[in-house]
């Protein structure tokens, strides 16, 4: 274990982050750039004392679980994550052979704590693996009903290219969403070449959709971020919604948060829909 190099790397990566990039309040003026040690410790779900000892090159060898938590808290790239494991003298866990289709408990708990925000978790192949009540209401109950009927995961790529997109995606961003889907599925195909469910999905999409085949050949590139869409809800009418993506990097999953501008008619409609659940 290269303690000094590990300590330097942690300090360097902490200094490179800004609170607003992680949704943290700026708070009082900071004497030095970057996050505070206690903020990194909180994001990584570890004690401040333990993290401080790592930065001071006097801590024990961190476990793979701790290293993964630090990689997520510090927003490390795949290459930086591998470097972190090497510095700690620990073998980097191999990538999963297939997309992770289970939701971590802390992510599921987060969904329930967002009563006026719709939230949907998708895996690397755009399977919907979790959602909260407001997201279910926005789809007219479609997510739960479709999952029960199919006895399997609802897949937004199938909805988009092979059939009814569902009420949530009858929107102004339908064309853009198609490119986003293809870009993510291309990344998934590179990461999980041995995933049989993903291979079957790609076969079906190539066979059943000219649009998908054409987009696939263009090799679109999209990074998760902020999008605005207008949807036509069957009872609430036209809603202007913000969609923002949070990453769950350890599982290659995305949490889509659906909100409306504060004080807008759409925000009042979402609040009413949430209170009716």
C-alpha atoms as a PDB file:
ATOM      1  CA  UNK A   1       0.000   0.000   0.000  1.00  0.00           C
ATOM      2  CA  UNK A   2       1.454   3.350  -1.087  1.00  0.00           C
ATOM      3  CA  UNK A   3       0.158   5.415   1.855  1.00  0.00           C
ATOM      4  CA  UNK A   4       1.784   8.731   0.960  1.00  0.00           C
ATOM      5  CA  UNK A   5       0.767   8.538  -2.687  1.00  0.00           C
ATOM      6  CA  UNK A   6      -2.760   7.529  -1.692  1.00  0.00           C
ATOM      7  CA  UNK A   7      -2.992  10.441   0.744  1.00  0.00           C
ATOM      8  CA  UNK A   8      -1.755  12.886  -1.906  1.00  0.00           C
ATOM      9  CA  UNK A   9      -4.230  11.540  -4.469  1.00  0.00           C
ATOM     10  CA  UNK A  10      -7.166  11.877  -2.077  1.00  0.00           C
ATOM     11  CA  UNK A  11      -6.213  15.444  -1.159  1.00  0.00           C
ATOM     12  CA  UNK A  12      -5.737  16.352  -4.812  1.00  0.00           C
ATOM     13  CA  UNK A  13      -9.093  14.951  -5.917  1.00  0.00           C
ATOM     14  CA  UNK A  14     -10.901  16.551  -2.963  1.00  0.00           C
ATOM     15  CA  UNK A  15      -9.448  19.948  -3.834  1.00  0.00           C
ATOM     16  CA  UNK A  16     -10.593  19.587  -7.451  1.00  0.00           C
ATOM     17  CA  UNK A  17     -14.296  19.307  -6.550  1.00  0.00           C
ATOM     18  CA  UNK A  18     -16.683  22.180  -5.928  1.00  0.00           C
ATOM     19  CA  UNK A  19     -19.640  21.961  -3.524  1.00  0.00           C
ATOM     20  CA  UNK A  20     -22.207  23.039  -6.112  1.00  0.00           C
ATOM     21  CA  UNK A  21     -21.131  20.174  -8.402  1.00  0.00           C
ATOM     22  CA  UNK A  22     -22.395  17.710  -5.792  1.00  0.00           C
ATOM     23  CA  UNK A  23     -25.457  19.656  -4.723  1.00  0.00           C
ATOM     24  CA  UNK A  24     -23.842  20.819  -1.482  1.00  0.00           C
ATOM     25  CA  UNK A  25     -24.475  24.324  -0.125  1.00  0.00           C
ATOM     26  CA  UNK A  26     -21.551  26.694  -0.482  1.00  0.00           C
ATOM     27  CA  UNK A  27     -21.872  27.720   3.174  1.00  0.00           C
ATOM     28  CA  UNK A  28     -19.307  30.027   4.688  1.00  0.00           C
ATOM     29  CA  UNK A  29     -16.302  31.161   2.626  1.00  0.00           C
ATOM     30  CA  UNK A  30     -13.655  28.461   2.328  1.00  0.00           C
ATOM     31  CA  UNK A  31     -10.003  29.049   3.044  1.00  0.00           C
ATOM     32  CA  UNK A  32      -8.995  26.464   0.458  1.00  0.00           C
ATOM     33  CA  UNK A  33     -10.700  25.272  -2.735  1.00  0.00           C
ATOM     34  CA  UNK A  34     -12.596  22.016  -2.925  1.00  0.00           C
ATOM     35  CA  UNK A  35     -14.620  20.005  -0.455  1.00  0.00           C
ATOM     36  CA  UNK A  36     -14.003  19.793   3.251  1.00  0.00           C
ATOM     37  CA  UNK A  37     -12.817  16.506   4.698  1.00  0.00           C
ATOM     38  CA  UNK A  38     -16.034  16.049   6.641  1.00  0.00           C
ATOM     39  CA  UNK A  39     -18.028  16.513   3.430  1.00  0.00           C
ATOM     40  CA  UNK A  40     -16.115  13.741   1.674  1.00  0.00           C
ATOM     41  CA  UNK A  41     -16.531  11.506   4.717  1.00  0.00           C
ATOM     42  CA  UNK A  42     -20.278  12.124   4.740  1.00  0.00           C
ATOM     43  CA  UNK A  43     -20.605  11.442   1.009  1.00  0.00           C
ATOM     44  CA  UNK A  44     -18.612   8.218   1.419  1.00  0.00           C
ATOM     45  CA  UNK A  45     -20.576   7.142   4.537  1.00  0.00           C
ATOM     46  CA  UNK A  46     -17.504   6.820   6.752  1.00  0.00           C
ATOM     47  CA  UNK A  47     -16.263   8.524   9.892  1.00  0.00           C
ATOM     48  CA  UNK A  48     -14.410  11.807   9.554  1.00  0.00           C
ATOM     49  CA  UNK A  49     -11.567  10.435  11.707  1.00  0.00           C
ATOM     50  CA  UNK A  50     -11.076   7.469   9.365  1.00  0.00           C
ATOM     51  CA  UNK A  51     -10.959   9.687   6.292  1.00  0.00           C
ATOM     52  CA  UNK A  52      -8.578  12.169   7.957  1.00  0.00           C
ATOM     53  CA  UNK A  53      -6.177   9.330   8.784  1.00  0.00           C
ATOM     54  CA  UNK A  54      -6.204   8.234   5.137  1.00  0.00           C
ATOM     55  CA  UNK A  55      -5.325  11.759   4.000  1.00  0.00           C
ATOM     56  CA  UNK A  56      -2.566  11.918   6.597  1.00  0.00           C
ATOM     57  CA  UNK A  57      -1.027   8.634   5.373  1.00  0.00           C
ATOM     58  CA  UNK A  58      -1.565   6.902   8.681  1.00  0.00           C
ATOM     59  CA  UNK A  59      -4.721   4.907   8.103  1.00  0.00           C
ATOM     60  CA  UNK A  60      -5.136   1.149   7.619  1.00  0.00           C
ATOM     61  CA  UNK A  61      -5.505  -0.390   4.187  1.00  0.00           C
ATOM     62  CA  UNK A  62      -9.050   0.488   3.068  1.00  0.00           C
ATOM     63  CA  UNK A  63     -11.324  -2.322   1.987  1.00  0.00           C
ATOM     64  CA  UNK A  64     -12.739  -2.537  -1.564  1.00  0.00           C
ATOM     65  CA  UNK A  65     -16.082  -1.322  -0.204  1.00  0.00           C
ATOM     66  CA  UNK A  66     -14.444   1.779   1.289  1.00  0.00           C
ATOM     67  CA  UNK A  67     -12.501   2.410  -1.924  1.00  0.00           C
ATOM     68  CA  UNK A  68     -15.676   2.175  -3.987  1.00  0.00           C
ATOM     69  CA  UNK A  69     -17.397   4.630  -1.650  1.00  0.00           C
ATOM     70  CA  UNK A  70     -14.482   7.065  -1.977  1.00  0.00           C
ATOM     71  CA  UNK A  71     -14.468   6.712  -5.757  1.00  0.00           C
ATOM     72  CA  UNK A  72     -18.144   7.619  -5.837  1.00  0.00           C
ATOM     73  CA  UNK A  73     -17.820  10.498  -3.353  1.00  0.00           C
ATOM     74  CA  UNK A  74     -14.875  12.012  -5.252  1.00  0.00           C
ATOM     75  CA  UNK A  75     -16.533  11.474  -8.652  1.00  0.00           C
ATOM     76  CA  UNK A  76     -13.577   9.480  -9.977  1.00  0.00           C
ATOM     77  CA  UNK A  77     -13.454   8.306 -13.557  1.00  0.00           C
ATOM     78  CA  UNK A  78     -12.946   4.601 -14.295  1.00  0.00           C
ATOM     79  CA  UNK A  79      -9.210   5.190 -14.776  1.00  0.00           C
ATOM     80  CA  UNK A  80      -8.944   7.188 -11.546  1.00  0.00           C
ATOM     81  CA  UNK A  81     -10.857   4.499  -9.676  1.00  0.00           C
ATOM     82  CA  UNK A  82      -8.406   1.849 -10.885  1.00  0.00           C
ATOM     83  CA  UNK A  83      -5.527   4.103  -9.821  1.00  0.00           C
ATOM     84  CA  UNK A  84      -7.090   4.491  -6.365  1.00  0.00           C
ATOM     85  CA  UNK A  85      -7.267   0.705  -5.938  1.00  0.00           C
ATOM     86  CA  UNK A  86      -3.654   0.317  -7.078  1.00  0.00           C
ATOM     87  CA  UNK A  87      -2.434   2.891  -4.573  1.00  0.00           C
ATOM     88  CA  UNK A  88      -4.257   1.024  -1.828  1.00  0.00           C
ATOM     89  CA  UNK A  89      -2.597  -2.222  -2.878  1.00  0.00           C
ATOM     90  CA  UNK A  90      -5.930  -3.829  -3.712  1.00  0.00           C
ATOM     91  CA  UNK A  91      -6.951  -5.491  -6.944  1.00  0.00           C
ATOM     92  CA  UNK A  92      -9.587  -3.574  -8.841  1.00  0.00           C
ATOM     93  CA  UNK A  93     -12.805  -5.611  -8.910  1.00  0.00           C
ATOM     94  CA  UNK A  94     -13.574  -6.777 -12.449  1.00  0.00           C
ATOM     95  CA  UNK A  95     -16.524  -5.145 -14.186  1.00  0.00           C
ATOM     96  CA  UNK A  96     -19.831  -6.920 -13.836  1.00  0.00           C
ATOM     97  CA  UNK A  97     -20.652  -9.413 -16.584  1.00  0.00           C
ATOM     98  CA  UNK A  98     -24.097  -7.887 -16.947  1.00  0.00           C
ATOM     99  CA  UNK A  99     -26.088  -4.802 -16.052  1.00  0.00           C
ATOM    100  CA  UNK A 100     -26.985  -4.570 -12.353  1.00  0.00           C
ATOM    101  CA  UNK A 101     -30.754  -4.939 -12.050  1.00  0.00           C
ATOM    102  CA  UNK A 102     -31.164  -4.559  -8.286  1.00  0.00           C
ATOM    103  CA  UNK A 103     -31.440  -1.252  -6.454  1.00  0.00           C
ATOM    104  CA  UNK A 104     -29.278  -0.502  -3.425  1.00  0.00           C
ATOM    105  CA  UNK A 105     -31.309   0.157  -0.258  1.00  0.00           C
ATOM    106  CA  UNK A 106     -30.051   3.733   0.153  1.00  0.00           C
ATOM    107  CA  UNK A 107     -31.224   4.555  -3.383  1.00  0.00           C
ATOM    108  CA  UNK A 108     -34.653   3.038  -2.718  1.00  0.00           C
ATOM    109  CA  UNK A 109     -34.915   5.042   0.530  1.00  0.00           C
ATOM    110  CA  UNK A 110     -34.026   8.226  -1.344  1.00  0.00           C
ATOM    111  CA  UNK A 111     -36.946   7.711  -3.744  1.00  0.00           C
ATOM    112  CA  UNK A 112     -39.391   7.558  -0.860  1.00  0.00           C
ATOM    113  CA  UNK A 113     -38.044  10.815   0.580  1.00  0.00           C
ATOM    114  CA  UNK A 114     -38.950  12.778  -2.561  1.00  0.00           C
ATOM    115  CA  UNK A 115     -42.732  13.222  -2.284  1.00  0.00           C
ATOM    116  CA  UNK A 116     -42.991  16.112  -4.772  1.00  0.00           C
ATOM    117  CA  UNK A 117     -40.347  14.816  -7.169  1.00  0.00           C
ATOM    118  CA  UNK A 118     -40.934  12.005  -9.599  1.00  0.00           C
ATOM    119  CA  UNK A 119     -38.020   9.559  -9.581  1.00  0.00           C
ATOM    120  CA  UNK A 120     -37.203   6.591 -11.797  1.00  0.00           C
ATOM    121  CA  UNK A 121     -34.098   4.374 -11.591  1.00  0.00           C
ATOM    122  CA  UNK A 122     -32.915   2.720 -14.797  1.00  0.00           C
ATOM    123  CA  UNK A 123     -30.180   0.160 -15.332  1.00  0.00           C
ATOM    124  CA  UNK A 124     -27.522   0.321 -18.031  1.00  0.00           C
ATOM    125  CA  UNK A 125     -29.918  -1.228 -20.570  1.00  0.00           C
ATOM    126  CA  UNK A 126     -32.758   1.216 -19.756  1.00  0.00           C
ATOM    127  CA  UNK A 127     -34.707  -1.265 -17.683  1.00  0.00           C
ATOM    128  CA  UNK A 128     -36.789   0.497 -15.020  1.00  0.00           C
ATOM    129  CA  UNK A 129     -35.675  -1.108 -11.768  1.00  0.00           C
ATOM    130  CA  UNK A 130     -37.357   1.255  -9.261  1.00  0.00           C
ATOM    131  CA  UNK A 131     -39.647   4.271  -9.100  1.00  0.00           C
ATOM    132  CA  UNK A 132     -41.545   6.320  -6.551  1.00  0.00           C
ATOM    133  CA  UNK A 133     -45.293   6.993  -6.245  1.00  0.00           C
ATOM    134  CA  UNK A 134     -45.230  10.332  -8.085  1.00  0.00           C
ATOM    135  CA  UNK A 135     -43.464   8.786 -11.090  1.00  0.00           C
ATOM    136  CA  UNK A 136     -46.097   6.032 -11.089  1.00  0.00           C
ATOM    137  CA  UNK A 137     -48.834   8.661 -11.031  1.00  0.00           C
ATOM    138  CA  UNK A 138     -47.243  10.538 -13.924  1.00  0.00           C
ATOM    139  CA  UNK A 139     -47.398   7.364 -16.010  1.00  0.00           C
ATOM    140  CA  UNK A 140     -51.021   6.718 -15.073  1.00  0.00           C
ATOM    141  CA  UNK A 141     -50.037   3.595 -13.154  1.00  0.00           C
ATOM    142  CA  UNK A 142     -48.333   2.189 -16.219  1.00  0.00           C
ATOM    143  CA  UNK A 143     -45.041   1.162 -14.641  1.00  0.00           C
ATOM    144  CA  UNK A 144     -46.518  -1.069 -11.970  1.00  0.00           C
ATOM    145  CA  UNK A 145     -49.223  -2.465 -14.256  1.00  0.00           C
ATOM    146  CA  UNK A 146     -46.800  -3.298 -17.055  1.00  0.00           C
ATOM    147  CA  UNK A 147     -44.358  -4.936 -14.663  1.00  0.00           C
ATOM    148  CA  UNK A 148     -47.122  -7.107 -13.203  1.00  0.00           C
ATOM    149  CA  UNK A 149     -48.435  -8.073 -16.621  1.00  0.00           C
ATOM    150  CA  UNK A 150     -45.023  -8.886 -18.055  1.00  0.00           C
ATOM    151  CA  UNK A 151     -43.627 -10.236 -14.782  1.00  0.00           C
ATOM    152  CA  UNK A 152     -40.369  -8.565 -15.615  1.00  0.00           C
ATOM    153  CA  UNK A 153     -38.591  -5.230 -15.915  1.00  0.00           C
ATOM    154  CA  UNK A 154     -40.217  -2.438 -17.900  1.00  0.00           C
ATOM    155  CA  UNK A 155     -37.723  -1.302 -20.530  1.00  0.00           C
ATOM    156  CA  UNK A 156     -37.821   2.271 -21.809  1.00  0.00           C
ATOM    157  CA  UNK A 157     -35.825   1.413 -24.936  1.00  0.00           C
ATOM    158  CA  UNK A 158     -38.493  -1.116 -25.925  1.00  0.00           C
ATOM    159  CA  UNK A 159     -41.187   1.448 -25.211  1.00  0.00           C
ATOM    160  CA  UNK A 160     -39.434   4.083 -27.264  1.00  0.00           C
ATOM    161  CA  UNK A 161     -38.660   2.027 -30.378  1.00  0.00           C
ATOM    162  CA  UNK A 162     -40.996  -0.982 -30.382  1.00  0.00           C
ATOM    163  CA  UNK A 163     -44.336   0.174 -29.062  1.00  0.00           C
ATOM    164  CA  UNK A 164     -46.290   2.507 -26.852  1.00  0.00           C
ATOM    165  CA  UNK A 165     -43.793   4.845 -25.197  1.00  0.00           C
ATOM    166  CA  UNK A 166     -45.975   5.297 -22.132  1.00  0.00           C
ATOM    167  CA  UNK A 167     -47.440   8.547 -20.912  1.00  0.00           C
ATOM    168  CA  UNK A 168     -44.209   9.785 -19.372  1.00  0.00           C
ATOM    169  CA  UNK A 169     -42.484   9.906 -22.766  1.00  0.00           C
ATOM    170  CA  UNK A 170     -45.305  11.270 -24.911  1.00  0.00           C
ATOM    171  CA  UNK A 171     -43.453  14.527 -24.891  1.00  0.00           C
ATOM    172  CA  UNK A 172     -41.635  17.261 -26.715  1.00  0.00           C
ATOM    173  CA  UNK A 173     -38.310  15.438 -26.284  1.00  0.00           C
ATOM    174  CA  UNK A 174     -39.241  12.131 -27.938  1.00  0.00           C
ATOM    175  CA  UNK A 175     -36.744  12.485 -30.797  1.00  0.00           C
ATOM    176  CA  UNK A 176     -33.927  13.594 -28.471  1.00  0.00           C
ATOM    177  CA  UNK A 177     -34.686  10.744 -26.088  1.00  0.00           C
ATOM    178  CA  UNK A 178     -34.167   8.241 -28.907  1.00  0.00           C
ATOM    179  CA  UNK A 179     -30.582   9.421 -29.384  1.00  0.00           C
ATOM    180  CA  UNK A 180     -29.995   9.359 -25.620  1.00  0.00           C
ATOM    181  CA  UNK A 181     -31.230   5.762 -25.462  1.00  0.00           C
ATOM    182  CA  UNK A 182     -29.023   4.585 -28.318  1.00  0.00           C
ATOM    183  CA  UNK A 183     -25.938   6.299 -26.890  1.00  0.00           C
ATOM    184  CA  UNK A 184     -26.441   4.593 -23.528  1.00  0.00           C
ATOM    185  CA  UNK A 185     -27.138   1.192 -25.081  1.00  0.00           C
ATOM    186  CA  UNK A 186     -23.928   1.469 -27.103  1.00  0.00           C
ATOM    187  CA  UNK A 187     -21.990   2.082 -23.894  1.00  0.00           C
ATOM    188  CA  UNK A 188     -23.746  -0.862 -22.250  1.00  0.00           C
ATOM    189  CA  UNK A 189     -22.893  -3.146 -25.180  1.00  0.00           C
ATOM    190  CA  UNK A 190     -19.210  -2.263 -24.789  1.00  0.00           C
ATOM    191  CA  UNK A 191     -19.244  -2.799 -21.016  1.00  0.00           C
ATOM    192  CA  UNK A 192     -21.333  -5.973 -20.865  1.00  0.00           C
ATOM    193  CA  UNK A 193     -20.646  -8.046 -23.995  1.00  0.00           C
ATOM    194  CA  UNK A 194     -21.682 -11.254 -22.191  1.00  0.00           C
ATOM    195  CA  UNK A 195     -25.050 -10.045 -20.868  1.00  0.00           C
ATOM    196  CA  UNK A 196     -27.703 -12.270 -22.511  1.00  0.00           C
ATOM    197  CA  UNK A 197     -30.630  -9.974 -21.634  1.00  0.00           C
ATOM    198  CA  UNK A 198     -28.888  -6.988 -23.190  1.00  0.00           C
ATOM    199  CA  UNK A 199     -27.976  -9.009 -26.289  1.00  0.00           C
ATOM    200  CA  UNK A 200     -31.620 -10.074 -26.692  1.00  0.00           C
ATOM    201  CA  UNK A 201     -32.799  -6.482 -26.320  1.00  0.00           C
ATOM    202  CA  UNK A 202     -30.393  -5.244 -28.989  1.00  0.00           C
ATOM    203  CA  UNK A 203     -31.445  -8.029 -31.368  1.00  0.00           C
ATOM    204  CA  UNK A 204     -35.105  -7.099 -30.936  1.00  0.00           C
ATOM    205  CA  UNK A 205     -34.425  -3.382 -31.426  1.00  0.00           C
ATOM    206  CA  UNK A 206     -32.345  -3.951 -34.561  1.00  0.00           C
ATOM    207  CA  UNK A 207     -34.958  -6.301 -35.987  1.00  0.00           C
ATOM    208  CA  UNK A 208     -38.003  -4.224 -35.117  1.00  0.00           C
ATOM    209  CA  UNK A 209     -37.064  -0.576 -35.613  1.00  0.00           C
ATOM    210  CA  UNK A 210     -35.638   1.149 -38.683  1.00  0.00           C
ATOM    211  CA  UNK A 211     -35.182   4.295 -36.577  1.00  0.00           C
ATOM    212  CA  UNK A 212     -33.111   2.406 -34.024  1.00  0.00           C
ATOM    213  CA  UNK A 213     -30.880   0.859 -36.707  1.00  0.00           C
ATOM    214  CA  UNK A 214     -30.295   4.277 -38.300  1.00  0.00           C
ATOM    215  CA  UNK A 215     -29.487   5.933 -34.962  1.00  0.00           C
ATOM    216  CA  UNK A 216     -27.197   3.055 -33.989  1.00  0.00           C
ATOM    217  CA  UNK A 217     -25.080   3.644 -37.087  1.00  0.00           C
ATOM    218  CA  UNK A 218     -24.655   7.343 -36.268  1.00  0.00           C
ATOM    219  CA  UNK A 219     -22.945   6.440 -32.950  1.00  0.00           C
ATOM    220  CA  UNK A 220     -24.587   9.236 -30.936  1.00  0.00           C
ATOM    221  CA  UNK A 221     -22.845  10.486 -27.801  1.00  0.00           C
ATOM    222  CA  UNK A 222     -24.822  11.946 -24.910  1.00  0.00           C
ATOM    223  CA  UNK A 223     -23.816  12.654 -21.326  1.00  0.00           C
ATOM    224  CA  UNK A 224     -26.440  12.525 -18.566  1.00  0.00           C
ATOM    225  CA  UNK A 225     -27.618  15.998 -17.705  1.00  0.00           C
ATOM    226  CA  UNK A 226     -30.534  18.421 -17.616  1.00  0.00           C
ATOM    227  CA  UNK A 227     -33.420  18.236 -20.072  1.00  0.00           C
ATOM    228  CA  UNK A 228     -36.762  20.021 -20.268  1.00  0.00           C
ATOM    229  CA  UNK A 229     -39.772  18.254 -21.694  1.00  0.00           C
ATOM    230  CA  UNK A 230     -43.462  18.962 -22.111  1.00  0.00           C
ATOM    231  CA  UNK A 231     -45.818  16.052 -21.556  1.00  0.00           C
ATOM    232  CA  UNK A 232     -49.562  15.711 -22.058  1.00  0.00           C
ATOM    233  CA  UNK A 233     -50.962  14.159 -18.894  1.00  0.00           C
ATOM    234  CA  UNK A 234     -54.457  12.642 -19.297  1.00  0.00           C
ATOM    235  CA  UNK A 235     -55.927  14.523 -16.320  1.00  0.00           C
ATOM    236  CA  UNK A 236     -53.512  17.368 -15.565  1.00  0.00           C
ATOM    237  CA  UNK A 237     -53.074  18.556 -19.118  1.00  0.00           C
ATOM    238  CA  UNK A 238     -49.826  19.902 -20.479  1.00  0.00           C
ATOM    239  CA  UNK A 239     -46.925  19.879 -18.002  1.00  0.00           C
ATOM    240  CA  UNK A 240     -43.510  21.466 -18.440  1.00  0.00           C
ATOM    241  CA  UNK A 241     -41.055  19.278 -16.528  1.00  0.00           C
ATOM    242  CA  UNK A 242     -37.354  19.287 -15.729  1.00  0.00           C
ATOM    243  CA  UNK A 243     -35.497  15.993 -15.922  1.00  0.00           C
ATOM    244  CA  UNK A 244     -32.153  15.745 -14.159  1.00  0.00           C
ATOM    245  CA  UNK A 245     -29.997  12.633 -13.892  1.00  0.00           C
ATOM    246  CA  UNK A 246     -28.049  11.454 -10.857  1.00  0.00           C
ATOM    247  CA  UNK A 247     -25.566   8.637 -11.381  1.00  0.00           C
ATOM    248  CA  UNK A 248     -25.168   5.507  -9.257  1.00  0.00           C
ATOM    249  CA  UNK A 249     -21.733   4.679 -10.704  1.00  0.00           C
ATOM    250  CA  UNK A 250     -21.043   1.521  -8.724  1.00  0.00           C
ATOM    251  CA  UNK A 251     -24.080  -0.116 -10.378  1.00  0.00           C
ATOM    252  CA  UNK A 252     -24.028   1.777 -13.694  1.00  0.00           C
ATOM    253  CA  UNK A 253     -27.533   3.050 -12.966  1.00  0.00           C
ATOM    254  CA  UNK A 254     -29.209   6.431 -13.365  1.00  0.00           C
ATOM    255  CA  UNK A 255     -31.810   8.150 -11.191  1.00  0.00           C
ATOM    256  CA  UNK A 256     -34.034  10.457 -13.245  1.00  0.00           C
ATOM    257  CA  UNK A 257     -35.528  13.234 -11.095  1.00  0.00           C
ATOM    258  CA  UNK A 258     -38.658  14.866 -12.514  1.00  0.00           C
ATOM    259  CA  UNK A 259     -39.556  18.307 -11.180  1.00  0.00           C
ATOM    260  CA  UNK A 260     -41.184  21.548 -12.277  1.00  0.00           C
ATOM    261  CA  UNK A 261     -40.082  25.150 -11.915  1.00  0.00           C
ATOM    262  CA  UNK A 262     -41.057  26.491  -8.454  1.00  0.00           C
ATOM    263  CA  UNK A 263     -44.322  28.419  -8.460  1.00  0.00           C
ATOM    264  CA  UNK A 264     -45.280  27.303 -11.965  1.00  0.00           C
ATOM    265  CA  UNK A 265     -48.653  25.752 -12.885  1.00  0.00           C
ATOM    266  CA  UNK A 266     -46.808  22.480 -13.508  1.00  0.00           C
ATOM    267  CA  UNK A 267     -45.329  22.567  -9.988  1.00  0.00           C
ATOM    268  CA  UNK A 268     -48.806  23.081  -8.510  1.00  0.00           C
ATOM    269  CA  UNK A 269     -50.097  20.189 -10.600  1.00  0.00           C
ATOM    270  CA  UNK A 270     -47.294  17.913  -9.369  1.00  0.00           C
ATOM    271  CA  UNK A 271     -47.993  18.907  -5.765  1.00  0.00           C
ATOM    272  CA  UNK A 272     -51.659  18.083  -6.196  1.00  0.00           C
ATOM    273  CA  UNK A 273     -50.832  14.769  -7.837  1.00  0.00           C
ATOM    274  CA  UNK A 274     -48.452  13.910  -4.995  1.00  0.00           C
ATOM    275  CA  UNK A 275     -50.972  14.777  -2.278  1.00  0.00           C
ATOM    276  CA  UNK A 276     -53.580  12.561  -3.926  1.00  0.00           C
ATOM    277  CA  UNK A 277     -51.356   9.462  -3.631  1.00  0.00           C
END
